[in-house]
N, C-alpha and C. Protein backbone atom coordinates (compact mmCIF):
# COMPACT_ATOMS: atom_id res chain seq x y z
N MET A 1 154.37 160.02 71.02
CA MET A 1 153.32 160.51 70.19
C MET A 1 152.08 160.77 71.05
N ARG A 2 151.46 161.89 70.86
CA ARG A 2 150.28 162.23 71.64
C ARG A 2 149.03 161.65 71.01
N LEU A 3 148.06 161.32 71.82
CA LEU A 3 146.81 160.75 71.33
C LEU A 3 146.09 161.72 70.40
N ARG A 4 146.20 163.01 70.65
CA ARG A 4 145.52 164.00 69.83
C ARG A 4 145.97 163.91 68.37
N SER A 5 147.22 163.60 68.12
CA SER A 5 147.68 163.48 66.74
C SER A 5 147.06 162.26 66.06
N LEU A 6 146.64 161.26 66.83
CA LEU A 6 145.95 160.11 66.26
C LEU A 6 144.47 160.39 66.01
N ILE A 7 143.90 161.31 66.77
CA ILE A 7 142.47 161.58 66.68
C ILE A 7 142.13 162.58 65.58
N ASN A 8 142.91 163.60 65.40
CA ASN A 8 142.57 164.67 64.46
C ASN A 8 142.27 164.23 63.04
N PRO A 9 142.94 163.22 62.47
CA PRO A 9 142.60 162.83 61.10
C PRO A 9 141.18 162.28 60.93
N LEU A 10 140.55 161.86 62.01
CA LEU A 10 139.20 161.30 61.93
C LEU A 10 138.17 162.41 62.08
N GLU A 11 137.89 163.11 61.03
CA GLU A 11 136.97 164.24 61.12
C GLU A 11 135.55 163.85 60.74
N LEU A 12 135.26 162.57 60.68
CA LEU A 12 133.93 162.11 60.32
C LEU A 12 132.88 162.63 61.31
N PHE A 13 133.17 162.59 62.60
CA PHE A 13 132.25 163.07 63.63
C PHE A 13 132.73 164.39 64.23
N THR A 14 133.68 165.02 63.64
CA THR A 14 134.25 166.33 63.98
C THR A 14 135.05 166.39 65.27
N ARG A 15 134.83 165.51 66.21
CA ARG A 15 135.61 165.58 67.45
C ARG A 15 135.82 164.18 68.01
N GLY A 16 137.05 163.85 68.28
CA GLY A 16 137.36 162.59 68.94
C GLY A 16 137.41 161.40 68.01
N ALA A 17 137.57 160.24 68.62
CA ALA A 17 137.65 158.98 67.88
C ALA A 17 136.59 158.03 68.42
N TRP A 18 136.09 157.17 67.54
CA TRP A 18 135.08 156.19 67.89
C TRP A 18 135.64 154.79 67.70
N GLU A 19 135.21 153.86 68.55
CA GLU A 19 135.68 152.48 68.48
C GLU A 19 134.49 151.55 68.70
N LEU A 20 134.31 150.60 67.82
CA LEU A 20 133.25 149.61 67.93
C LEU A 20 133.86 148.30 68.43
N ALA A 21 133.21 147.67 69.40
CA ALA A 21 133.75 146.43 69.98
C ALA A 21 132.64 145.38 70.06
N ALA A 22 133.01 144.12 69.90
CA ALA A 22 132.07 143.01 70.03
C ALA A 22 132.76 141.85 70.75
N ARG A 23 131.95 141.06 71.49
CA ARG A 23 132.53 139.94 72.23
C ARG A 23 131.48 138.82 72.38
N TYR A 24 131.95 137.59 72.34
CA TYR A 24 131.13 136.41 72.60
C TYR A 24 131.81 135.61 73.70
N SER A 25 131.04 135.19 74.71
CA SER A 25 131.59 134.40 75.82
C SER A 25 130.73 133.15 76.02
N TYR A 26 131.38 132.06 76.41
CA TYR A 26 130.68 130.81 76.66
C TYR A 26 131.24 130.19 77.94
N LEU A 27 130.35 129.68 78.80
CA LEU A 27 130.76 129.05 80.05
C LEU A 27 130.04 127.71 80.18
N ASN A 28 130.79 126.65 80.44
CA ASN A 28 130.23 125.31 80.60
C ASN A 28 130.71 124.76 81.93
N LEU A 29 129.77 124.53 82.85
CA LEU A 29 130.12 124.04 84.19
C LEU A 29 129.87 122.55 84.35
N GLU A 30 129.66 121.83 83.25
CA GLU A 30 129.47 120.38 83.33
C GLU A 30 130.82 119.70 83.48
N ASP A 31 130.82 118.60 84.26
CA ASP A 31 132.07 117.88 84.50
C ASP A 31 131.81 116.38 84.49
N GLY A 32 131.84 115.78 83.33
CA GLY A 32 131.70 114.33 83.23
C GLY A 32 130.48 113.78 83.93
N ALA A 33 130.66 113.27 85.16
CA ALA A 33 129.57 112.64 85.91
C ALA A 33 128.60 113.67 86.50
N LEU A 34 129.03 114.91 86.64
CA LEU A 34 128.19 115.95 87.23
C LEU A 34 127.54 116.80 86.15
N GLU A 35 126.27 117.13 86.37
CA GLU A 35 125.61 118.04 85.44
C GLU A 35 125.69 119.45 86.02
N GLY A 36 126.00 120.41 85.16
CA GLY A 36 126.10 121.79 85.61
C GLY A 36 125.40 122.73 84.66
N ASP A 37 125.48 123.99 84.95
CA ASP A 37 124.84 125.01 84.13
C ASP A 37 125.75 125.41 82.98
N ARG A 38 125.14 125.98 81.96
CA ARG A 38 125.88 126.53 80.82
C ARG A 38 125.34 127.92 80.54
N GLY A 39 126.18 128.75 79.95
CA GLY A 39 125.73 130.08 79.60
C GLY A 39 126.55 130.68 78.49
N GLU A 40 125.95 131.64 77.79
CA GLU A 40 126.67 132.37 76.76
C GLU A 40 126.21 133.82 76.78
N ALA A 41 127.11 134.70 76.34
CA ALA A 41 126.82 136.13 76.34
C ALA A 41 127.34 136.76 75.06
N PHE A 42 126.53 137.66 74.51
CA PHE A 42 126.91 138.43 73.33
C PHE A 42 126.95 139.89 73.75
N SER A 43 128.06 140.57 73.51
CA SER A 43 128.21 141.98 73.89
C SER A 43 128.56 142.82 72.68
N LEU A 44 128.02 144.04 72.66
CA LEU A 44 128.33 145.01 71.64
C LEU A 44 128.60 146.33 72.34
N GLY A 45 129.70 146.98 72.00
CA GLY A 45 130.07 148.21 72.68
C GLY A 45 130.50 149.30 71.73
N LEU A 46 130.37 150.53 72.20
CA LEU A 46 130.82 151.70 71.46
C LEU A 46 131.63 152.56 72.42
N ASN A 47 132.86 152.86 72.06
CA ASN A 47 133.74 153.70 72.87
C ASN A 47 133.97 155.02 72.15
N TRP A 48 133.98 156.11 72.89
CA TRP A 48 134.22 157.43 72.31
C TRP A 48 135.34 158.09 73.10
N TYR A 49 136.32 158.60 72.38
CA TYR A 49 137.45 159.33 72.96
C TYR A 49 137.32 160.78 72.53
N PRO A 50 136.56 161.63 73.26
CA PRO A 50 136.38 163.02 72.83
C PRO A 50 137.65 163.86 72.98
N THR A 51 138.48 163.53 73.96
CA THR A 51 139.76 164.22 74.16
C THR A 51 140.81 163.17 74.49
N GLU A 52 142.04 163.60 74.61
CA GLU A 52 143.09 162.64 74.94
C GLU A 52 143.05 162.20 76.39
N TYR A 53 142.23 162.82 77.24
CA TYR A 53 142.16 162.48 78.66
C TYR A 53 140.85 161.83 79.08
N LEU A 54 139.92 161.64 78.15
CA LEU A 54 138.59 161.16 78.51
C LEU A 54 138.14 160.04 77.57
N LYS A 55 137.56 158.99 78.15
CA LYS A 55 137.02 157.87 77.38
C LYS A 55 135.62 157.55 77.92
N LEU A 56 134.64 157.50 77.04
CA LEU A 56 133.27 157.15 77.40
C LEU A 56 132.93 155.82 76.74
N MET A 57 132.39 154.88 77.52
CA MET A 57 132.12 153.53 77.03
C MET A 57 130.64 153.19 77.21
N PHE A 58 130.04 152.63 76.18
CA PHE A 58 128.64 152.22 76.19
C PHE A 58 128.59 150.76 75.74
N ASN A 59 128.00 149.88 76.57
CA ASN A 59 127.97 148.45 76.27
C ASN A 59 126.56 147.89 76.45
N GLY A 60 126.19 146.97 75.58
CA GLY A 60 124.96 146.21 75.71
C GLY A 60 125.30 144.73 75.66
N THR A 61 124.71 143.94 76.55
CA THR A 61 125.01 142.51 76.62
C THR A 61 123.71 141.72 76.72
N HIS A 62 123.64 140.64 75.96
CA HIS A 62 122.52 139.70 76.04
C HIS A 62 123.08 138.38 76.57
N ILE A 63 122.49 137.88 77.66
CA ILE A 63 122.99 136.69 78.34
C ILE A 63 121.91 135.60 78.30
N GLU A 64 122.30 134.39 77.96
CA GLU A 64 121.40 133.23 78.01
C GLU A 64 122.04 132.17 78.89
N ARG A 65 121.27 131.71 79.89
CA ARG A 65 121.75 130.66 80.80
C ARG A 65 120.87 129.44 80.67
N GLU A 66 121.50 128.30 80.62
CA GLU A 66 120.76 127.03 80.60
C GLU A 66 121.04 126.33 81.91
N GLU A 67 120.04 126.31 82.77
CA GLU A 67 120.18 125.68 84.08
C GLU A 67 119.61 124.26 84.01
N VAL A 68 120.26 123.35 84.67
CA VAL A 68 119.84 121.95 84.64
C VAL A 68 118.42 121.79 85.19
N ALA A 69 118.13 122.42 86.30
CA ALA A 69 116.84 122.23 86.96
C ALA A 69 115.73 123.11 86.38
N ASP A 70 116.05 124.33 85.98
CA ASP A 70 115.01 125.30 85.64
C ASP A 70 114.84 125.58 84.15
N GLY A 71 115.69 125.09 83.29
CA GLY A 71 115.59 125.39 81.86
C GLY A 71 116.42 126.61 81.49
N THR A 72 115.99 127.30 80.43
CA THR A 72 116.77 128.42 79.90
C THR A 72 116.22 129.76 80.37
N GLU A 73 117.10 130.67 80.74
CA GLU A 73 116.75 132.03 81.12
C GLU A 73 117.60 133.00 80.33
N SER A 74 117.07 134.19 80.08
CA SER A 74 117.87 135.20 79.39
C SER A 74 117.75 136.53 80.11
N GLU A 75 118.78 137.34 79.95
CA GLU A 75 118.85 138.66 80.59
C GLU A 75 119.48 139.63 79.61
N ALA A 76 119.19 140.90 79.82
CA ALA A 76 119.83 141.97 79.04
C ALA A 76 120.47 142.95 80.01
N LEU A 77 121.61 143.47 79.62
CA LEU A 77 122.38 144.36 80.49
C LEU A 77 122.88 145.54 79.67
N ILE A 78 122.72 146.74 80.18
CA ILE A 78 123.26 147.95 79.54
C ILE A 78 124.19 148.62 80.53
N GLN A 79 125.39 148.98 80.07
CA GLN A 79 126.38 149.62 80.94
C GLN A 79 126.90 150.89 80.29
N THR A 80 127.21 151.87 81.12
CA THR A 80 127.96 153.04 80.68
C THR A 80 129.09 153.26 81.67
N ARG A 81 130.23 153.66 81.16
CA ARG A 81 131.38 153.93 82.01
C ARG A 81 132.12 155.15 81.49
N MET A 82 132.81 155.80 82.38
CA MET A 82 133.64 156.94 82.01
C MET A 82 135.02 156.76 82.62
N GLN A 83 136.05 157.02 81.84
CA GLN A 83 137.42 156.88 82.32
C GLN A 83 138.15 158.19 82.06
N VAL A 84 138.79 158.71 83.10
CA VAL A 84 139.56 159.95 82.99
C VAL A 84 141.03 159.63 83.23
N TYR A 85 141.87 160.04 82.30
CA TYR A 85 143.32 159.86 82.43
C TYR A 85 143.90 161.10 83.09
N PHE A 86 144.65 160.91 84.17
CA PHE A 86 145.32 162.06 84.81
C PHE A 86 146.67 161.66 85.33
């Protein structure tokens, strides 16, 4: 089955298919007697498949780190990627 046959029924945006993605990650580096850092990240992404050979990805991530010595820090990250199938 070709990808185009899966995309054509979605005429809401007239071309291609859209995909919404979300992710939560948690990291704990503490080990019993040792104190370590902790962190968590929330990501939200939007993928667009305009043709059967092209995928465009847009992601935003918010990261919070809790460091033992320095307290809590936060960062924001925006990514774009393009994937070509050949």
